[in-house]
């Protein structure tokens, strides 16, 4: 996963200019069918309809991710989305967001393998499959 420009700017200002950056108390995983704008921190191509909703991870919801080591962490439990009640399309990207709806992209990345989600399917990141690395 890569930082969005939004988060990069917030952290640089926080560290180098002592500007206030308040980390979100919870973050959410979002699924996308395109990556346009994710780097800029804008929301594009996010799945919608068919019972889709972002899944809360980390923060106030508990320890969904392992303790970071060597600049890397991953999900230490399954991250499961609601069962689709309509076709969601082909999911190609994911993002970590600072709100359950709208909000800002914090991290983003492409899936190793795209997944077409049809009516009745359940999208899931198995434990250990969602890696976040800073380098």
C-alpha atoms as a PDB file:
ATOM      1  CA  UNK A   1       0.000   0.000   0.000  1.00  0.00           C
ATOM      2  CA  UNK A   2       1.129   3.566  -0.635  1.00  0.00           C
ATOM      3  CA  UNK A   3       0.421   6.752   1.284  1.00  0.00           C
ATOM      4  CA  UNK A   4      -1.967   9.162  -0.394  1.00  0.00           C
ATOM      5  CA  UNK A   5      -0.704  12.684  -1.073  1.00  0.00           C
ATOM      6  CA  UNK A   6      -3.198  13.830   1.587  1.00  0.00           C
ATOM      7  CA  UNK A   7      -1.579  11.714   4.314  1.00  0.00           C
ATOM      8  CA  UNK A   8       1.972  12.476   3.157  1.00  0.00           C
ATOM      9  CA  UNK A   9       1.291  16.220   3.447  1.00  0.00           C
ATOM     10  CA  UNK A  10      -0.397  15.858   6.841  1.00  0.00           C
ATOM     11  CA  UNK A  11       2.532  13.870   8.260  1.00  0.00           C
ATOM     12  CA  UNK A  12       5.216  16.127   6.785  1.00  0.00           C
ATOM     13  CA  UNK A  13       3.525  19.227   8.219  1.00  0.00           C
ATOM     14  CA  UNK A  14       3.060  17.456  11.552  1.00  0.00           C
ATOM     15  CA  UNK A  15       6.696  16.395  11.849  1.00  0.00           C
ATOM     16  CA  UNK A  16       8.524  19.287  10.186  1.00  0.00           C
ATOM     17  CA  UNK A  17       6.253  22.214  11.013  1.00  0.00           C
ATOM     18  CA  UNK A  18       4.722  21.011  14.305  1.00  0.00           C
ATOM     19  CA  UNK A  19       1.300  21.352  12.671  1.00  0.00           C
ATOM     20  CA  UNK A  20      -1.485  19.445  14.353  1.00  0.00           C
ATOM     21  CA  UNK A  21      -2.450  16.139  12.793  1.00  0.00           C
ATOM     22  CA  UNK A  22      -5.026  14.118  14.652  1.00  0.00           C
ATOM     23  CA  UNK A  23      -4.993  10.477  13.699  1.00  0.00           C
ATOM     24  CA  UNK A  24      -8.444   9.001  13.090  1.00  0.00           C
ATOM     25  CA  UNK A  25      -9.816   6.940  15.970  1.00  0.00           C
ATOM     26  CA  UNK A  26     -10.977   4.317  13.475  1.00  0.00           C
ATOM     27  CA  UNK A  27     -10.153   3.516   9.873  1.00  0.00           C
ATOM     28  CA  UNK A  28     -12.091   1.660   7.211  1.00  0.00           C
ATOM     29  CA  UNK A  29     -11.149  -0.545   4.282  1.00  0.00           C
ATOM     30  CA  UNK A  30     -12.783   0.455   0.989  1.00  0.00           C
ATOM     31  CA  UNK A  31     -12.903  -1.477  -2.281  1.00  0.00           C
ATOM     32  CA  UNK A  32     -12.440   0.152  -5.687  1.00  0.00           C
ATOM     33  CA  UNK A  33     -12.912  -0.791  -9.328  1.00  0.00           C
ATOM     34  CA  UNK A  34     -10.380   1.849 -10.450  1.00  0.00           C
ATOM     35  CA  UNK A  35      -7.414   3.724  -9.005  1.00  0.00           C
ATOM     36  CA  UNK A  36      -7.988   7.173 -10.516  1.00  0.00           C
ATOM     37  CA  UNK A  37      -7.457   9.784  -7.822  1.00  0.00           C
ATOM     38  CA  UNK A  38      -6.470   7.480  -4.958  1.00  0.00           C
ATOM     39  CA  UNK A  39      -2.927   8.892  -4.912  1.00  0.00           C
ATOM     40  CA  UNK A  40      -4.331  12.412  -4.630  1.00  0.00           C
ATOM     41  CA  UNK A  41      -6.430  11.285  -1.680  1.00  0.00           C
ATOM     42  CA  UNK A  42      -9.758  11.549  -3.474  1.00  0.00           C
ATOM     43  CA  UNK A  43     -12.351   8.801  -3.640  1.00  0.00           C
ATOM     44  CA  UNK A  44     -12.926   7.390  -7.108  1.00  0.00           C
ATOM     45  CA  UNK A  45     -14.194   4.098  -8.402  1.00  0.00           C
ATOM     46  CA  UNK A  46     -15.378   2.947  -4.984  1.00  0.00           C
ATOM     47  CA  UNK A  47     -17.849   0.091  -5.112  1.00  0.00           C
ATOM     48  CA  UNK A  48     -21.419   1.189  -4.392  1.00  0.00           C
ATOM     49  CA  UNK A  49     -24.833  -0.377  -4.011  1.00  0.00           C
ATOM     50  CA  UNK A  50     -25.693  -4.016  -3.489  1.00  0.00           C
ATOM     51  CA  UNK A  51     -25.157  -3.887   0.318  1.00  0.00           C
ATOM     52  CA  UNK A  52     -21.571  -2.625  -0.065  1.00  0.00           C
ATOM     53  CA  UNK A  53     -20.162  -0.816   2.962  1.00  0.00           C
ATOM     54  CA  UNK A  54     -16.627  -0.138   4.128  1.00  0.00           C
ATOM     55  CA  UNK A  55     -15.325  -2.379   6.894  1.00  0.00           C
ATOM     56  CA  UNK A  56     -13.957  -0.794  10.068  1.00  0.00           C
ATOM     57  CA  UNK A  57     -10.486  -2.000  11.051  1.00  0.00           C
ATOM     58  CA  UNK A  58      -7.886  -1.006  13.619  1.00  0.00           C
ATOM     59  CA  UNK A  59      -8.393   2.041  15.802  1.00  0.00           C
ATOM     60  CA  UNK A  60     -11.399   1.845  18.095  1.00  0.00           C
ATOM     61  CA  UNK A  61     -12.567  -1.467  16.611  1.00  0.00           C
ATOM     62  CA  UNK A  62      -9.576  -3.303  18.019  1.00  0.00           C
ATOM     63  CA  UNK A  63      -6.358  -4.813  16.746  1.00  0.00           C
ATOM     64  CA  UNK A  64      -7.092  -5.910  13.196  1.00  0.00           C
ATOM     65  CA  UNK A  65      -3.427  -5.455  12.232  1.00  0.00           C
ATOM     66  CA  UNK A  66      -0.297  -7.007  13.697  1.00  0.00           C
ATOM     67  CA  UNK A  67       2.294  -4.854  15.480  1.00  0.00           C
ATOM     68  CA  UNK A  68       4.459  -3.239  12.797  1.00  0.00           C
ATOM     69  CA  UNK A  69       8.016  -4.484  12.365  1.00  0.00           C
ATOM     70  CA  UNK A  70      10.605  -3.358   9.807  1.00  0.00           C
ATOM     71  CA  UNK A  71       8.076  -0.926   8.321  1.00  0.00           C
ATOM     72  CA  UNK A  72       5.453  -3.605   7.600  1.00  0.00           C
ATOM     73  CA  UNK A  73       2.178  -4.789   9.083  1.00  0.00           C
ATOM     74  CA  UNK A  74      -0.638  -7.033   7.888  1.00  0.00           C
ATOM     75  CA  UNK A  75      -4.124  -8.010   8.960  1.00  0.00           C
ATOM     76  CA  UNK A  76      -4.003 -10.600  11.710  1.00  0.00           C
ATOM     77  CA  UNK A  77      -7.637 -11.593  11.243  1.00  0.00           C
ATOM     78  CA  UNK A  78     -10.030 -11.924   8.305  1.00  0.00           C
ATOM     79  CA  UNK A  79     -11.560  -8.711   6.952  1.00  0.00           C
ATOM     80  CA  UNK A  80     -14.952  -9.683   5.542  1.00  0.00           C
ATOM     81  CA  UNK A  81     -17.350  -7.448   3.638  1.00  0.00           C
ATOM     82  CA  UNK A  82     -21.133  -7.882   3.543  1.00  0.00           C
ATOM     83  CA  UNK A  83     -22.507 -10.365   1.026  1.00  0.00           C
ATOM     84  CA  UNK A  84     -23.188  -8.558  -2.257  1.00  0.00           C
ATOM     85  CA  UNK A  85     -26.881  -8.236  -3.085  1.00  0.00           C
ATOM     86  CA  UNK A  86     -26.027  -6.979  -6.593  1.00  0.00           C
ATOM     87  CA  UNK A  87     -22.989  -7.198  -8.837  1.00  0.00           C
ATOM     88  CA  UNK A  88     -20.151  -4.964  -7.539  1.00  0.00           C
ATOM     89  CA  UNK A  89     -17.977  -5.279 -10.632  1.00  0.00           C
ATOM     90  CA  UNK A  90     -14.299  -6.149 -10.719  1.00  0.00           C
ATOM     91  CA  UNK A  91     -12.465  -4.994  -7.604  1.00  0.00           C
ATOM     92  CA  UNK A  92      -8.915  -3.970  -8.540  1.00  0.00           C
ATOM     93  CA  UNK A  93      -7.841  -1.697  -5.661  1.00  0.00           C
ATOM     94  CA  UNK A  94      -8.351  -1.091  -1.955  1.00  0.00           C
ATOM     95  CA  UNK A  95      -7.861   1.901   0.274  1.00  0.00           C
ATOM     96  CA  UNK A  96      -7.691   2.669   3.963  1.00  0.00           C
ATOM     97  CA  UNK A  97     -10.031   5.574   4.710  1.00  0.00           C
ATOM     98  CA  UNK A  98     -10.446   7.903   7.683  1.00  0.00           C
ATOM     99  CA  UNK A  99     -14.261   7.744   7.663  1.00  0.00           C
ATOM    100  CA  UNK A 100     -17.037   5.199   7.123  1.00  0.00           C
ATOM    101  CA  UNK A 101     -18.338   7.279   4.203  1.00  0.00           C
ATOM    102  CA  UNK A 102     -16.673  10.100   2.264  1.00  0.00           C
ATOM    103  CA  UNK A 103     -13.509  11.132   4.158  1.00  0.00           C
ATOM    104  CA  UNK A 104      -9.910  10.942   2.964  1.00  0.00           C
ATOM    105  CA  UNK A 105      -7.814   8.190   1.434  1.00  0.00           C
ATOM    106  CA  UNK A 106      -4.903   7.400   3.782  1.00  0.00           C
ATOM    107  CA  UNK A 107      -3.295   4.393   2.062  1.00  0.00           C
ATOM    108  CA  UNK A 108      -4.122   2.712  -1.208  1.00  0.00           C
ATOM    109  CA  UNK A 109      -2.931  -0.158  -3.332  1.00  0.00           C
ATOM    110  CA  UNK A 110      -3.813  -2.536  -6.099  1.00  0.00           C
ATOM    111  CA  UNK A 111      -4.896  -6.078  -5.437  1.00  0.00           C
ATOM    112  CA  UNK A 112      -2.444  -8.787  -6.449  1.00  0.00           C
ATOM    113  CA  UNK A 113      -5.356 -10.500  -8.192  1.00  0.00           C
ATOM    114  CA  UNK A 114      -8.494  -8.628  -9.263  1.00  0.00           C
ATOM    115  CA  UNK A 115     -11.760 -10.129  -8.053  1.00  0.00           C
ATOM    116  CA  UNK A 116     -15.120  -9.928  -9.799  1.00  0.00           C
ATOM    117  CA  UNK A 117     -17.807  -9.704  -7.126  1.00  0.00           C
ATOM    118  CA  UNK A 118     -21.248 -10.845  -8.254  1.00  0.00           C
ATOM    119  CA  UNK A 119     -24.598 -10.949  -6.484  1.00  0.00           C
ATOM    120  CA  UNK A 120     -24.306 -13.450  -3.617  1.00  0.00           C
ATOM    121  CA  UNK A 121     -20.488 -13.269  -3.363  1.00  0.00           C
ATOM    122  CA  UNK A 122     -18.650 -12.280  -0.189  1.00  0.00           C
ATOM    123  CA  UNK A 123     -15.354 -10.384  -0.574  1.00  0.00           C
ATOM    124  CA  UNK A 124     -12.762 -11.163   2.079  1.00  0.00           C
ATOM    125  CA  UNK A 125      -9.107 -10.456   2.850  1.00  0.00           C
ATOM    126  CA  UNK A 126      -7.898 -13.590   4.608  1.00  0.00           C
ATOM    127  CA  UNK A 127      -5.707 -13.056   7.677  1.00  0.00           C
ATOM    128  CA  UNK A 128      -2.203 -12.096   6.559  1.00  0.00           C
ATOM    129  CA  UNK A 129      -3.252 -11.140   3.008  1.00  0.00           C
ATOM    130  CA  UNK A 130      -3.527  -7.351   3.386  1.00  0.00           C
ATOM    131  CA  UNK A 131       0.028  -6.012   3.709  1.00  0.00           C
ATOM    132  CA  UNK A 132       0.881  -2.396   4.481  1.00  0.00           C
ATOM    133  CA  UNK A 133       4.538  -1.493   4.004  1.00  0.00           C
ATOM    134  CA  UNK A 134       6.336   1.827   4.307  1.00  0.00           C
ATOM    135  CA  UNK A 135       9.603   2.195   2.461  1.00  0.00           C
END
